[in-house]
Amino acid sequence: ARTKLAQELYAESGYGADKPLGLEILYNT
């Protein structure tokens, strides 16, 4: 259920297979 909701919110945010979100994670060594 959490996975389904996450995918729905992701799509409602304007992202999907044809427009994937690109991110960068910064972390200390």
mmCIF file of all heavy atoms, coordinates in Angstrom:
data_MODEL
# 
_entry.id   MODEL 
# 
loop_
_atom_site.group_PDB 
_atom_site.id 
_atom_site.type_symbol 
_atom_site.label_atom_id 
_atom_site.label_alt_id 
_atom_site.label_comp_id 
_atom_site.label_asym_id 
_atom_site.label_entity_id 
_atom_site.label_seq_id 
_atom_site.pdbx_PDB_ins_code 
_atom_site.Cartn_x 
_atom_site.Cartn_y 
_atom_site.Cartn_z 
_atom_site.occupancy 
_atom_site.B_iso_or_equiv 
_atom_site.pdbx_formal_charge 
_atom_site.auth_seq_id 
_atom_site.auth_comp_id 
_atom_site.auth_asym_id 
_atom_site.auth_atom_id 
_atom_site.pdbx_PDB_model_num 
ATOM 1   N N   . ALA A 1 1  ? 0.837  -1.211 0.000   1.00 0.00 ? 1  ALA A N   1 
ATOM 2   C CA  . ALA A 1 1  ? 0.000  0.000  0.000   1.00 0.00 ? 1  ALA A CA  1 
ATOM 3   C C   . ALA A 1 1  ? 0.866  1.253  0.000   1.00 0.00 ? 1  ALA A C   1 
ATOM 4   O O   . ALA A 1 1  ? 0.541  2.243  -0.674  1.00 0.00 ? 1  ALA A O   1 
ATOM 5   C CB  . ALA A 1 1  ? -0.930 -0.019 1.204   1.00 0.00 ? 1  ALA A CB  1 
ATOM 6   N N   . ARG A 1 2  ? 1.962  1.228  0.766   1.00 0.00 ? 2  ARG A N   1 
ATOM 7   C CA  . ARG A 1 2  ? 2.861  2.392  0.798   1.00 0.00 ? 2  ARG A CA  1 
ATOM 8   C C   . ARG A 1 2  ? 3.523  2.598  -0.562  1.00 0.00 ? 2  ARG A C   1 
ATOM 9   O O   . ARG A 1 2  ? 3.667  3.733  -1.037  1.00 0.00 ? 2  ARG A O   1 
ATOM 10  C CB  . ARG A 1 2  ? 3.923  2.215  1.891   1.00 0.00 ? 2  ARG A CB  1 
ATOM 11  C CG  . ARG A 1 2  ? 3.408  2.475  3.287   1.00 0.00 ? 2  ARG A CG  1 
ATOM 12  C CD  . ARG A 1 2  ? 4.539  2.754  4.258   1.00 0.00 ? 2  ARG A CD  1 
ATOM 13  N NE  . ARG A 1 2  ? 5.462  1.641  4.394   1.00 0.00 ? 2  ARG A NE  1 
ATOM 14  C CZ  . ARG A 1 2  ? 5.380  0.721  5.341   1.00 0.00 ? 2  ARG A CZ  1 
ATOM 15  N NH1 . ARG A 1 2  ? 4.406  0.783  6.248   1.00 0.00 ? 2  ARG A NH1 1 
ATOM 16  N NH2 . ARG A 1 2  ? 6.271  -0.251 5.410   1.00 0.00 ? 2  ARG A NH2 1 
ATOM 17  N N   . THR A 1 3  ? 3.916  1.496  -1.196  1.00 0.00 ? 3  THR A N   1 
ATOM 18  C CA  . THR A 1 3  ? 4.538  1.585  -2.515  1.00 0.00 ? 3  THR A CA  1 
ATOM 19  C C   . THR A 1 3  ? 3.567  2.167  -3.539  1.00 0.00 ? 3  THR A C   1 
ATOM 20  O O   . THR A 1 3  ? 3.929  3.043  -4.333  1.00 0.00 ? 3  THR A O   1 
ATOM 21  C CB  . THR A 1 3  ? 5.010  0.195  -2.980  1.00 0.00 ? 3  THR A CB  1 
ATOM 22  O OG1 . THR A 1 3  ? 6.008  -0.291 -2.080  1.00 0.00 ? 3  THR A OG1 1 
ATOM 23  C CG2 . THR A 1 3  ? 5.577  0.251  -4.392  1.00 0.00 ? 3  THR A CG2 1 
ATOM 24  N N   . LYS A 1 4  ? 2.329  1.691  -3.515  1.00 0.00 ? 4  LYS A N   1 
ATOM 25  C CA  . LYS A 1 4  ? 1.309  2.186  -4.445  1.00 0.00 ? 4  LYS A CA  1 
ATOM 26  C C   . LYS A 1 4  ? 1.073  3.682  -4.237  1.00 0.00 ? 4  LYS A C   1 
ATOM 27  O O   . LYS A 1 4  ? 0.993  4.459  -5.205  1.00 0.00 ? 4  LYS A O   1 
ATOM 28  C CB  . LYS A 1 4  ? 0.010  1.410  -4.247  1.00 0.00 ? 4  LYS A CB  1 
ATOM 29  C CG  . LYS A 1 4  ? -1.122 1.786  -5.206  1.00 0.00 ? 4  LYS A CG  1 
ATOM 30  C CD  . LYS A 1 4  ? -2.315 0.846  -5.001  1.00 0.00 ? 4  LYS A CD  1 
ATOM 31  C CE  . LYS A 1 4  ? -3.450 1.166  -5.987  1.00 0.00 ? 4  LYS A CE  1 
ATOM 32  N NZ  . LYS A 1 4  ? -4.045 2.499  -5.711  1.00 0.00 ? 4  LYS A NZ  1 
ATOM 33  N N   . LEU A 1 5  ? 0.978  4.096  -2.984  1.00 0.00 ? 5  LEU A N   1 
ATOM 34  C CA  . LEU A 1 5  ? 0.751  5.511  -2.686  1.00 0.00 ? 5  LEU A CA  1 
ATOM 35  C C   . LEU A 1 5  ? 1.951  6.350  -3.120  1.00 0.00 ? 5  LEU A C   1 
ATOM 36  O O   . LEU A 1 5  ? 1.779  7.447  -3.686  1.00 0.00 ? 5  LEU A O   1 
ATOM 37  C CB  . LEU A 1 5  ? 0.490  5.693  -1.192  1.00 0.00 ? 5  LEU A CB  1 
ATOM 38  C CG  . LEU A 1 5  ? 0.242  7.125  -0.707  1.00 0.00 ? 5  LEU A CG  1 
ATOM 39  C CD1 . LEU A 1 5  ? -0.916 7.772  -1.472  1.00 0.00 ? 5  LEU A CD1 1 
ATOM 40  C CD2 . LEU A 1 5  ? -0.022 7.146  0.794   1.00 0.00 ? 5  LEU A CD2 1 
ATOM 41  N N   . ALA A 1 6  ? 3.164  5.858  -2.897  1.00 0.00 ? 6  ALA A N   1 
ATOM 42  C CA  . ALA A 1 6  ? 4.360  6.590  -3.306  1.00 0.00 ? 6  ALA A CA  1 
ATOM 43  C C   . ALA A 1 6  ? 4.360  6.804  -4.818  1.00 0.00 ? 6  ALA A C   1 
ATOM 44  O O   . ALA A 1 6  ? 4.670  7.903  -5.306  1.00 0.00 ? 6  ALA A O   1 
ATOM 45  C CB  . ALA A 1 6  ? 5.614  5.818  -2.878  1.00 0.00 ? 6  ALA A CB  1 
ATOM 46  N N   . GLN A 1 7  ? 3.983  5.791  -5.574  1.00 0.00 ? 7  GLN A N   1 
ATOM 47  C CA  . GLN A 1 7  ? 3.965  5.896  -7.032  1.00 0.00 ? 7  GLN A CA  1 
ATOM 48  C C   . GLN A 1 7  ? 2.885  6.874  -7.500  1.00 0.00 ? 7  GLN A C   1 
ATOM 49  O O   . GLN A 1 7  ? 3.090  7.634  -8.453  1.00 0.00 ? 7  GLN A O   1 
ATOM 50  C CB  . GLN A 1 7  ? 3.757  4.512  -7.637  1.00 0.00 ? 7  GLN A CB  1 
ATOM 51  C CG  . GLN A 1 7  ? 4.939  3.585  -7.417  1.00 0.00 ? 7  GLN A CG  1 
ATOM 52  C CD  . GLN A 1 7  ? 4.667  2.139  -7.775  1.00 0.00 ? 7  GLN A CD  1 
ATOM 53  O OE1 . GLN A 1 7  ? 3.496  1.711  -7.852  1.00 0.00 ? 7  GLN A OE1 1 
ATOM 54  N NE2 . GLN A 1 7  ? 5.721  1.352  -7.993  1.00 0.00 ? 7  GLN A NE2 1 
ATOM 55  N N   . GLU A 1 8  ? 1.757  6.871  -6.825  1.00 0.00 ? 8  GLU A N   1 
ATOM 56  C CA  . GLU A 1 8  ? 0.692  7.809  -7.180  1.00 0.00 ? 8  GLU A CA  1 
ATOM 57  C C   . GLU A 1 8  ? 1.124  9.256  -6.911  1.00 0.00 ? 8  GLU A C   1 
ATOM 58  O O   . GLU A 1 8  ? 0.902  10.148 -7.740  1.00 0.00 ? 8  GLU A O   1 
ATOM 59  C CB  . GLU A 1 8  ? -0.577 7.483  -6.379  1.00 0.00 ? 8  GLU A CB  1 
ATOM 60  C CG  . GLU A 1 8  ? -1.246 6.173  -6.788  1.00 0.00 ? 8  GLU A CG  1 
ATOM 61  C CD  . GLU A 1 8  ? -2.398 5.786  -5.868  1.00 0.00 ? 8  GLU A CD  1 
ATOM 62  O OE1 . GLU A 1 8  ? -2.572 6.482  -4.832  1.00 0.00 ? 8  GLU A OE1 1 
ATOM 63  O OE2 . GLU A 1 8  ? -3.098 4.799  -6.160  1.00 0.00 ? 8  GLU A OE2 1 
ATOM 64  N N   . LEU A 1 9  ? 1.734  9.498  -5.761  1.00 0.00 ? 9  LEU A N   1 
ATOM 65  C CA  . LEU A 1 9  ? 2.187  10.850 -5.418  1.00 0.00 ? 9  LEU A CA  1 
ATOM 66  C C   . LEU A 1 9  ? 3.294  11.312 -6.363  1.00 0.00 ? 9  LEU A C   1 
ATOM 67  O O   . LEU A 1 9  ? 3.362  12.485 -6.741  1.00 0.00 ? 9  LEU A O   1 
ATOM 68  C CB  . LEU A 1 9  ? 2.684  10.874 -3.971  1.00 0.00 ? 9  LEU A CB  1 
ATOM 69  C CG  . LEU A 1 9  ? 1.609  10.699 -2.897  1.00 0.00 ? 9  LEU A CG  1 
ATOM 70  C CD1 . LEU A 1 9  ? 2.256  10.517 -1.528  1.00 0.00 ? 9  LEU A CD1 1 
ATOM 71  C CD2 . LEU A 1 9  ? 0.656  11.896 -2.878  1.00 0.00 ? 9  LEU A CD2 1 
ATOM 72  N N   . TYR A 1 10 ? 4.158  10.389 -6.765  1.00 0.00 ? 10 TYR A N   1 
ATOM 73  C CA  . TYR A 1 10 ? 5.240  10.697 -7.700  1.00 0.00 ? 10 TYR A CA  1 
ATOM 74  C C   . TYR A 1 10 ? 4.657  11.136 -9.044  1.00 0.00 ? 10 TYR A C   1 
ATOM 75  O O   . TYR A 1 10 ? 5.095  12.137 -9.641  1.00 0.00 ? 10 TYR A O   1 
ATOM 76  C CB  . TYR A 1 10 ? 6.113  9.450  -7.857  1.00 0.00 ? 10 TYR A CB  1 
ATOM 77  C CG  . TYR A 1 10 ? 7.330  9.606  -8.726  1.00 0.00 ? 10 TYR A CG  1 
ATOM 78  C CD1 . TYR A 1 10 ? 8.408  10.387 -8.323  1.00 0.00 ? 10 TYR A CD1 1 
ATOM 79  C CD2 . TYR A 1 10 ? 7.429  8.920  -9.950  1.00 0.00 ? 10 TYR A CD2 1 
ATOM 80  C CE1 . TYR A 1 10 ? 9.550  10.498 -9.102  1.00 0.00 ? 10 TYR A CE1 1 
ATOM 81  C CE2 . TYR A 1 10 ? 8.564  9.019  -10.742 1.00 0.00 ? 10 TYR A CE2 1 
ATOM 82  C CZ  . TYR A 1 10 ? 9.626  9.814  -10.312 1.00 0.00 ? 10 TYR A CZ  1 
ATOM 83  O OH  . TYR A 1 10 ? 10.758 9.912  -11.095 1.00 0.00 ? 10 TYR A OH  1 
ATOM 84  N N   . ALA A 1 11 ? 3.637  10.414 -9.508  1.00 0.00 ? 11 ALA A N   1 
ATOM 85  C CA  . ALA A 1 11 ? 2.994  10.757 -10.779 1.00 0.00 ? 11 ALA A CA  1 
ATOM 86  C C   . ALA A 1 11 ? 2.267  12.090 -10.677 1.00 0.00 ? 11 ALA A C   1 
ATOM 87  O O   . ALA A 1 11 ? 2.318  12.923 -11.599 1.00 0.00 ? 11 ALA A O   1 
ATOM 88  C CB  . ALA A 1 11 ? 2.030  9.646  -11.192 1.00 0.00 ? 11 ALA A CB  1 
ATOM 89  N N   . GLU A 1 12 ? 1.581  12.333 -9.563  1.00 0.00 ? 12 GLU A N   1 
ATOM 90  C CA  . GLU A 1 12 ? 0.868  13.594 -9.359  1.00 0.00 ? 12 GLU A CA  1 
ATOM 91  C C   . GLU A 1 12 ? 1.828  14.775 -9.274  1.00 0.00 ? 12 GLU A C   1 
ATOM 92  O O   . GLU A 1 12 ? 1.428  15.923 -9.517  1.00 0.00 ? 12 GLU A O   1 
ATOM 93  C CB  . GLU A 1 12 ? 0.025  13.517 -8.088  1.00 0.00 ? 12 GLU A CB  1 
ATOM 94  C CG  . GLU A 1 12 ? -1.159 12.560 -8.192  1.00 0.00 ? 12 GLU A CG  1 
ATOM 95  C CD  . GLU A 1 12 ? -1.867 12.353 -6.862  1.00 0.00 ? 12 GLU A CD  1 
ATOM 96  O OE1 . GLU A 1 12 ? -1.576 13.119 -5.915  1.00 0.00 ? 12 GLU A OE1 1 
ATOM 97  O OE2 . GLU A 1 12 ? -2.685 11.426 -6.765  1.00 0.00 ? 12 GLU A OE2 1 
ATOM 98  N N   . SER A 1 13 ? 3.090  14.496 -8.960  1.00 0.00 ? 13 SER A N   1 
ATOM 99  C CA  . SER A 1 13 ? 4.105  15.556 -8.891  1.00 0.00 ? 13 SER A CA  1 
ATOM 100 C C   . SER A 1 13 ? 4.686  15.882 -10.259 1.00 0.00 ? 13 SER A C   1 
ATOM 101 O O   . SER A 1 13 ? 5.517  16.788 -10.382 1.00 0.00 ? 13 SER A O   1 
ATOM 102 C CB  . SER A 1 13 ? 5.239  15.130 -7.951  1.00 0.00 ? 13 SER A CB  1 
ATOM 103 O OG  . SER A 1 13 ? 4.750  14.883 -6.650  1.00 0.00 ? 13 SER A OG  1 
ATOM 104 N N   . GLY A 1 14 ? 4.262  15.130 -11.274 1.00 0.00 ? 14 GLY A N   1 
ATOM 105 C CA  . GLY A 1 14 ? 4.718  15.422 -12.631 1.00 0.00 ? 14 GLY A CA  1 
ATOM 106 C C   . GLY A 1 14 ? 5.856  14.551 -13.122 1.00 0.00 ? 14 GLY A C   1 
ATOM 107 O O   . GLY A 1 14 ? 6.489  14.865 -14.134 1.00 0.00 ? 14 GLY A O   1 
ATOM 108 N N   . TYR A 1 15 ? 6.127  13.451 -12.434 1.00 0.00 ? 15 TYR A N   1 
ATOM 109 C CA  . TYR A 1 15 ? 7.242  12.584 -12.819 1.00 0.00 ? 15 TYR A CA  1 
ATOM 110 C C   . TYR A 1 15 ? 6.731  11.192 -13.151 1.00 0.00 ? 15 TYR A C   1 
ATOM 111 O O   . TYR A 1 15 ? 5.681  10.759 -12.680 1.00 0.00 ? 15 TYR A O   1 
ATOM 112 C CB  . TYR A 1 15 ? 8.285  12.508 -11.706 1.00 0.00 ? 15 TYR A CB  1 
ATOM 113 C CG  . TYR A 1 15 ? 8.938  13.842 -11.421 1.00 0.00 ? 15 TYR A CG  1 
ATOM 114 C CD1 . TYR A 1 15 ? 8.464  14.675 -10.398 1.00 0.00 ? 15 TYR A CD1 1 
ATOM 115 C CD2 . TYR A 1 15 ? 10.018 14.281 -12.182 1.00 0.00 ? 15 TYR A CD2 1 
ATOM 116 C CE1 . TYR A 1 15 ? 9.050  15.903 -10.155 1.00 0.00 ? 15 TYR A CE1 1 
ATOM 117 C CE2 . TYR A 1 15 ? 10.616 15.510 -11.944 1.00 0.00 ? 15 TYR A CE2 1 
ATOM 118 C CZ  . TYR A 1 15 ? 10.130 16.322 -10.926 1.00 0.00 ? 15 TYR A CZ  1 
ATOM 119 O OH  . TYR A 1 15 ? 10.702 17.538 -10.691 1.00 0.00 ? 15 TYR A OH  1 
ATOM 120 N N   . GLY A 1 16 ? 7.498  10.499 -13.978 1.00 0.00 ? 16 GLY A N   1 
ATOM 121 C CA  . GLY A 1 16 ? 7.135  9.142  -14.378 1.00 0.00 ? 16 GLY A CA  1 
ATOM 122 C C   . GLY A 1 16 ? 8.225  8.534  -15.237 1.00 0.00 ? 16 GLY A C   1 
ATOM 123 O O   . GLY A 1 16 ? 9.333  9.080  -15.343 1.00 0.00 ? 16 GLY A O   1 
ATOM 124 N N   . ALA A 1 17 ? 7.896  7.414  -15.897 1.00 0.00 ? 17 ALA A N   1 
ATOM 125 C CA  . ALA A 1 17 ? 8.895  6.712  -16.706 1.00 0.00 ? 17 ALA A CA  1 
ATOM 126 C C   . ALA A 1 17 ? 9.434  7.584  -17.831 1.00 0.00 ? 17 ALA A C   1 
ATOM 127 O O   . ALA A 1 17 ? 10.615 7.507  -18.202 1.00 0.00 ? 17 ALA A O   1 
ATOM 128 C CB  . ALA A 1 17 ? 8.288  5.432  -17.275 1.00 0.00 ? 17 ALA A CB  1 
ATOM 129 N N   . ASP A 1 18 ? 8.560  8.437  -18.408 1.00 0.00 ? 18 ASP A N   1 
ATOM 130 C CA  . ASP A 1 18 ? 8.992  9.299  -19.505 1.00 0.00 ? 18 ASP A CA  1 
ATOM 131 C C   . ASP A 1 18 ? 9.632  10.590 -19.012 1.00 0.00 ? 18 ASP A C   1 
ATOM 132 O O   . ASP A 1 18 ? 10.225 11.338 -19.787 1.00 0.00 ? 18 ASP A O   1 
ATOM 133 C CB  . ASP A 1 18 ? 7.799  9.631  -20.416 1.00 0.00 ? 18 ASP A CB  1 
ATOM 134 C CG  . ASP A 1 18 ? 6.668  10.303 -19.639 1.00 0.00 ? 18 ASP A CG  1 
ATOM 135 O OD1 . ASP A 1 18 ? 6.631  10.150 -18.391 1.00 0.00 ? 18 ASP A OD1 1 
ATOM 136 O OD2 . ASP A 1 18 ? 5.828  10.959 -20.285 1.00 0.00 ? 18 ASP A OD2 1 
ATOM 137 N N   . LYS A 1 19 ? 9.527  10.856 -17.714 1.00 0.00 ? 19 LYS A N   1 
ATOM 138 C CA  . LYS A 1 19 ? 10.134 12.048 -17.119 1.00 0.00 ? 19 LYS A CA  1 
ATOM 139 C C   . LYS A 1 19 ? 10.618 11.703 -15.703 1.00 0.00 ? 19 LYS A C   1 
ATOM 140 O O   . LYS A 1 19 ? 10.049 12.109 -14.712 1.00 0.00 ? 19 LYS A O   1 
ATOM 141 C CB  . LYS A 1 19 ? 9.132  13.202 -17.053 1.00 0.00 ? 19 LYS A CB  1 
ATOM 142 C CG  . LYS A 1 19 ? 9.738  14.506 -16.533 1.00 0.00 ? 19 LYS A CG  1 
ATOM 143 C CD  . LYS A 1 19 ? 8.681  15.581 -16.353 1.00 0.00 ? 19 LYS A CD  1 
ATOM 144 C CE  . LYS A 1 19 ? 9.274  16.827 -15.724 1.00 0.00 ? 19 LYS A CE  1 
ATOM 145 N NZ  . LYS A 1 19 ? 8.238  17.867 -15.455 1.00 0.00 ? 19 LYS A NZ  1 
ATOM 146 N N   . PRO A 1 20 ? 11.721 10.937 -15.608 1.00 0.00 ? 20 PRO A N   1 
ATOM 147 C CA  . PRO A 1 20 ? 12.214 10.535 -14.291 1.00 0.00 ? 20 PRO A CA  1 
ATOM 148 C C   . PRO A 1 20 ? 12.874 11.692 -13.549 1.00 0.00 ? 20 PRO A C   1 
ATOM 149 O O   . PRO A 1 20 ? 13.467 12.588 -14.162 1.00 0.00 ? 20 PRO A O   1 
ATOM 150 C CB  . PRO A 1 20 ? 13.226 9.440  -14.614 1.00 0.00 ? 20 PRO A CB  1 
ATOM 151 C CG  . PRO A 1 20 ? 13.719 9.788  -15.979 1.00 0.00 ? 20 PRO A CG  1 
ATOM 152 C CD  . PRO A 1 20 ? 12.526 10.368 -16.703 1.00 0.00 ? 20 PRO A CD  1 
ATOM 153 N N   . LEU A 1 21 ? 12.738 11.672 -12.268 1.00 0.00 ? 21 LEU A N   1 
ATOM 154 C CA  . LEU A 1 21 ? 13.389 12.669 -11.421 1.00 0.00 ? 21 LEU A CA  1 
ATOM 155 C C   . LEU A 1 21 ? 14.869 12.334 -11.287 1.00 0.00 ? 21 LEU A C   1 
ATOM 156 O O   . LEU A 1 21 ? 15.238 11.172 -11.112 1.00 0.00 ? 21 LEU A O   1 
ATOM 157 C CB  . LEU A 1 21 ? 12.741 12.669 -10.029 1.00 0.00 ? 21 LEU A CB  1 
ATOM 158 C CG  . LEU A 1 21 ? 13.379 13.569 -8.956  1.00 0.00 ? 21 LEU A CG  1 
ATOM 159 C CD1 . LEU A 1 21 ? 13.203 15.042 -9.318  1.00 0.00 ? 21 LEU A CD1 1 
ATOM 160 C CD2 . LEU A 1 21 ? 12.775 13.272 -7.583  1.00 0.00 ? 21 LEU A CD2 1 
ATOM 161 N N   . GLY A 1 22 ? 15.722 13.343 -11.393 1.00 0.00 ? 22 GLY A N   1 
ATOM 162 C CA  . GLY A 1 22 ? 17.152 13.167 -11.172 1.00 0.00 ? 22 GLY A CA  1 
ATOM 163 C C   . GLY A 1 22 ? 17.561 13.825 -9.863  1.00 0.00 ? 22 GLY A C   1 
ATOM 164 O O   . GLY A 1 22 ? 17.224 14.986 -9.626  1.00 0.00 ? 22 GLY A O   1 
ATOM 165 N N   . LEU A 1 23 ? 18.250 13.078 -9.001  1.00 0.00 ? 23 LEU A N   1 
ATOM 166 C CA  . LEU A 1 23 ? 18.641 13.597 -7.697  1.00 0.00 ? 23 LEU A CA  1 
ATOM 167 C C   . LEU A 1 23 ? 20.110 13.291 -7.402  1.00 0.00 ? 23 LEU A C   1 
ATOM 168 O O   . LEU A 1 23 ? 20.711 12.404 -8.009  1.00 0.00 ? 23 LEU A O   1 
ATOM 169 C CB  . LEU A 1 23 ? 17.798 12.970 -6.578  1.00 0.00 ? 23 LEU A CB  1 
ATOM 170 C CG  . LEU A 1 23 ? 16.347 13.411 -6.438  1.00 0.00 ? 23 LEU A CG  1 
ATOM 171 C CD1 . LEU A 1 23 ? 15.706 12.676 -5.266  1.00 0.00 ? 23 LEU A CD1 1 
ATOM 172 C CD2 . LEU A 1 23 ? 16.252 14.915 -6.226  1.00 0.00 ? 23 LEU A CD2 1 
ATOM 173 N N   . GLU A 1 24 ? 20.648 14.022 -6.430  1.00 0.00 ? 24 GLU A N   1 
ATOM 174 C CA  . GLU A 1 24 ? 21.986 13.746 -5.929  1.00 0.00 ? 24 GLU A CA  1 
ATOM 175 C C   . GLU A 1 24 ? 21.926 13.726 -4.404  1.00 0.00 ? 24 GLU A C   1 
ATOM 176 O O   . GLU A 1 24 ? 21.354 14.613 -3.783  1.00 0.00 ? 24 GLU A O   1 
ATOM 177 C CB  . GLU A 1 24 ? 22.979 14.808 -6.387  1.00 0.00 ? 24 GLU A CB  1 
ATOM 178 C CG  . GLU A 1 24 ? 24.399 14.564 -5.885  1.00 0.00 ? 24 GLU A CG  1 
ATOM 179 C CD  . GLU A 1 24 ? 25.363 15.654 -6.323  1.00 0.00 ? 24 GLU A CD  1 
ATOM 180 O OE1 . GLU A 1 24 ? 25.315 16.748 -5.719  1.00 0.00 ? 24 GLU A OE1 1 
ATOM 181 O OE2 . GLU A 1 24 ? 26.159 15.405 -7.255  1.00 0.00 ? 24 GLU A OE2 1 
ATOM 182 N N   . ILE A 1 25 ? 22.503 12.683 -3.809  1.00 0.00 ? 25 ILE A N   1 
ATOM 183 C CA  . ILE A 1 25 ? 22.586 12.566 -2.358  1.00 0.00 ? 25 ILE A CA  1 
ATOM 184 C C   . ILE A 1 25 ? 23.995 12.958 -1.927  1.00 0.00 ? 25 ILE A C   1 
ATOM 185 O O   . ILE A 1 25 ? 24.981 12.397 -2.408  1.00 0.00 ? 25 ILE A O   1 
ATOM 186 C CB  . ILE A 1 25 ? 22.298 11.135 -1.869  1.00 0.00 ? 25 ILE A CB  1 
ATOM 187 C CG1 . ILE A 1 25 ? 20.872 10.713 -2.231  1.00 0.00 ? 25 ILE A CG1 1 
ATOM 188 C CG2 . ILE A 1 25 ? 22.513 11.025 -0.363  1.00 0.00 ? 25 ILE A CG2 1 
ATOM 189 C CD1 . ILE A 1 25 ? 20.583 9.253  -1.911  1.00 0.00 ? 25 ILE A CD1 1 
ATOM 190 N N   . LEU A 1 26 ? 24.087 13.919 -1.027  1.00 0.00 ? 26 LEU A N   1 
ATOM 191 C CA  . LEU A 1 26 ? 25.367 14.321 -0.448  1.00 0.00 ? 26 LEU A CA  1 
ATOM 192 C C   . LEU A 1 26 ? 25.514 13.666 0.922   1.00 0.00 ? 26 LEU A C   1 
ATOM 193 O O   . LEU A 1 26 ? 24.583 13.684 1.731   1.00 0.00 ? 26 LEU A O   1 
ATOM 194 C CB  . LEU A 1 26 ? 25.421 15.848 -0.288  1.00 0.00 ? 26 LEU A CB  1 
ATOM 195 C CG  . LEU A 1 26 ? 26.583 16.411 0.547   1.00 0.00 ? 26 LEU A CG  1 
ATOM 196 C CD1 . LEU A 1 26 ? 27.924 16.121 -0.126  1.00 0.00 ? 26 LEU A CD1 1 
ATOM 197 C CD2 . LEU A 1 26 ? 26.393 17.909 0.780   1.00 0.00 ? 26 LEU A CD2 1 
ATOM 198 N N   . TYR A 1 27 ? 26.682 13.068 1.175   1.00 0.00 ? 27 TYR A N   1 
ATOM 199 C CA  . TYR A 1 27 ? 26.930 12.491 2.495   1.00 0.00 ? 27 TYR A CA  1 
ATOM 200 C C   . TYR A 1 27 ? 28.396 12.704 2.863   1.00 0.00 ? 27 TYR A C   1 
ATOM 201 O O   . TYR A 1 27 ? 29.255 12.822 1.991   1.00 0.00 ? 27 TYR A O   1 
ATOM 202 C CB  . TYR A 1 27 ? 26.580 10.998 2.538   1.00 0.00 ? 27 TYR A CB  1 
ATOM 203 C CG  . TYR A 1 27 ? 27.401 10.118 1.617   1.00 0.00 ? 27 TYR A CG  1 
ATOM 204 C CD1 . TYR A 1 27 ? 28.565 9.495  2.060   1.00 0.00 ? 27 TYR A CD1 1 
ATOM 205 C CD2 . TYR A 1 27 ? 27.005 9.902  0.291   1.00 0.00 ? 27 TYR A CD2 1 
ATOM 206 C CE1 . TYR A 1 27 ? 29.312 8.679  1.227   1.00 0.00 ? 27 TYR A CE1 1 
ATOM 207 C CE2 . TYR A 1 27 ? 27.750 9.090  -0.550  1.00 0.00 ? 27 TYR A CE2 1 
ATOM 208 C CZ  . TYR A 1 27 ? 28.898 8.483  -0.079  1.00 0.00 ? 27 TYR A CZ  1 
ATOM 209 O OH  . TYR A 1 27 ? 29.643 7.692  -0.919  1.00 0.00 ? 27 TYR A OH  1 
ATOM 210 N N   . ASN A 1 28 ? 28.676 12.792 4.151   1.00 0.00 ? 28 ASN A N   1 
ATOM 211 C CA  . ASN A 1 28 ? 30.062 12.906 4.586   1.00 0.00 ? 28 ASN A CA  1 
ATOM 212 C C   . ASN A 1 28 ? 30.720 11.532 4.548   1.00 0.00 ? 28 ASN A C   1 
ATOM 213 O O   . ASN A 1 28 ? 30.091 10.501 4.763   1.00 0.00 ? 28 ASN A O   1 
ATOM 214 C CB  . ASN A 1 28 ? 30.167 13.516 5.988   1.00 0.00 ? 28 ASN A CB  1 
ATOM 215 C CG  . ASN A 1 28 ? 29.411 12.739 7.036   1.00 0.00 ? 28 ASN A CG  1 
ATOM 216 O OD1 . ASN A 1 28 ? 28.193 12.664 6.980   1.00 0.00 ? 28 ASN A OD1 1 
ATOM 217 N ND2 . ASN A 1 28 ? 30.119 12.165 8.002   1.00 0.00 ? 28 ASN A ND2 1 
ATOM 218 N N   . THR A 1 29 ? 32.016 11.530 4.250   1.00 0.00 ? 29 THR A N   1 
ATOM 219 C CA  . THR A 1 29 ? 32.757 10.302 4.023   1.00 0.00 ? 29 THR A CA  1 
ATOM 220 C C   . THR A 1 29 ? 32.618 9.332  5.189   1.00 0.00 ? 29 THR A C   1 
ATOM 221 O O   . THR A 1 29 ? 32.940 9.648  6.330   1.00 0.00 ? 29 THR A O   1 
ATOM 222 C CB  . THR A 1 29 ? 34.251 10.615 3.801   1.00 0.00 ? 29 THR A CB  1 
ATOM 223 O OG1 . THR A 1 29 ? 34.373 11.512 2.693   1.00 0.00 ? 29 THR A OG1 1 
ATOM 224 C CG2 . THR A 1 29 ? 35.028 9.340  3.502   1.00 0.00 ? 29 THR A CG2 1 
# 
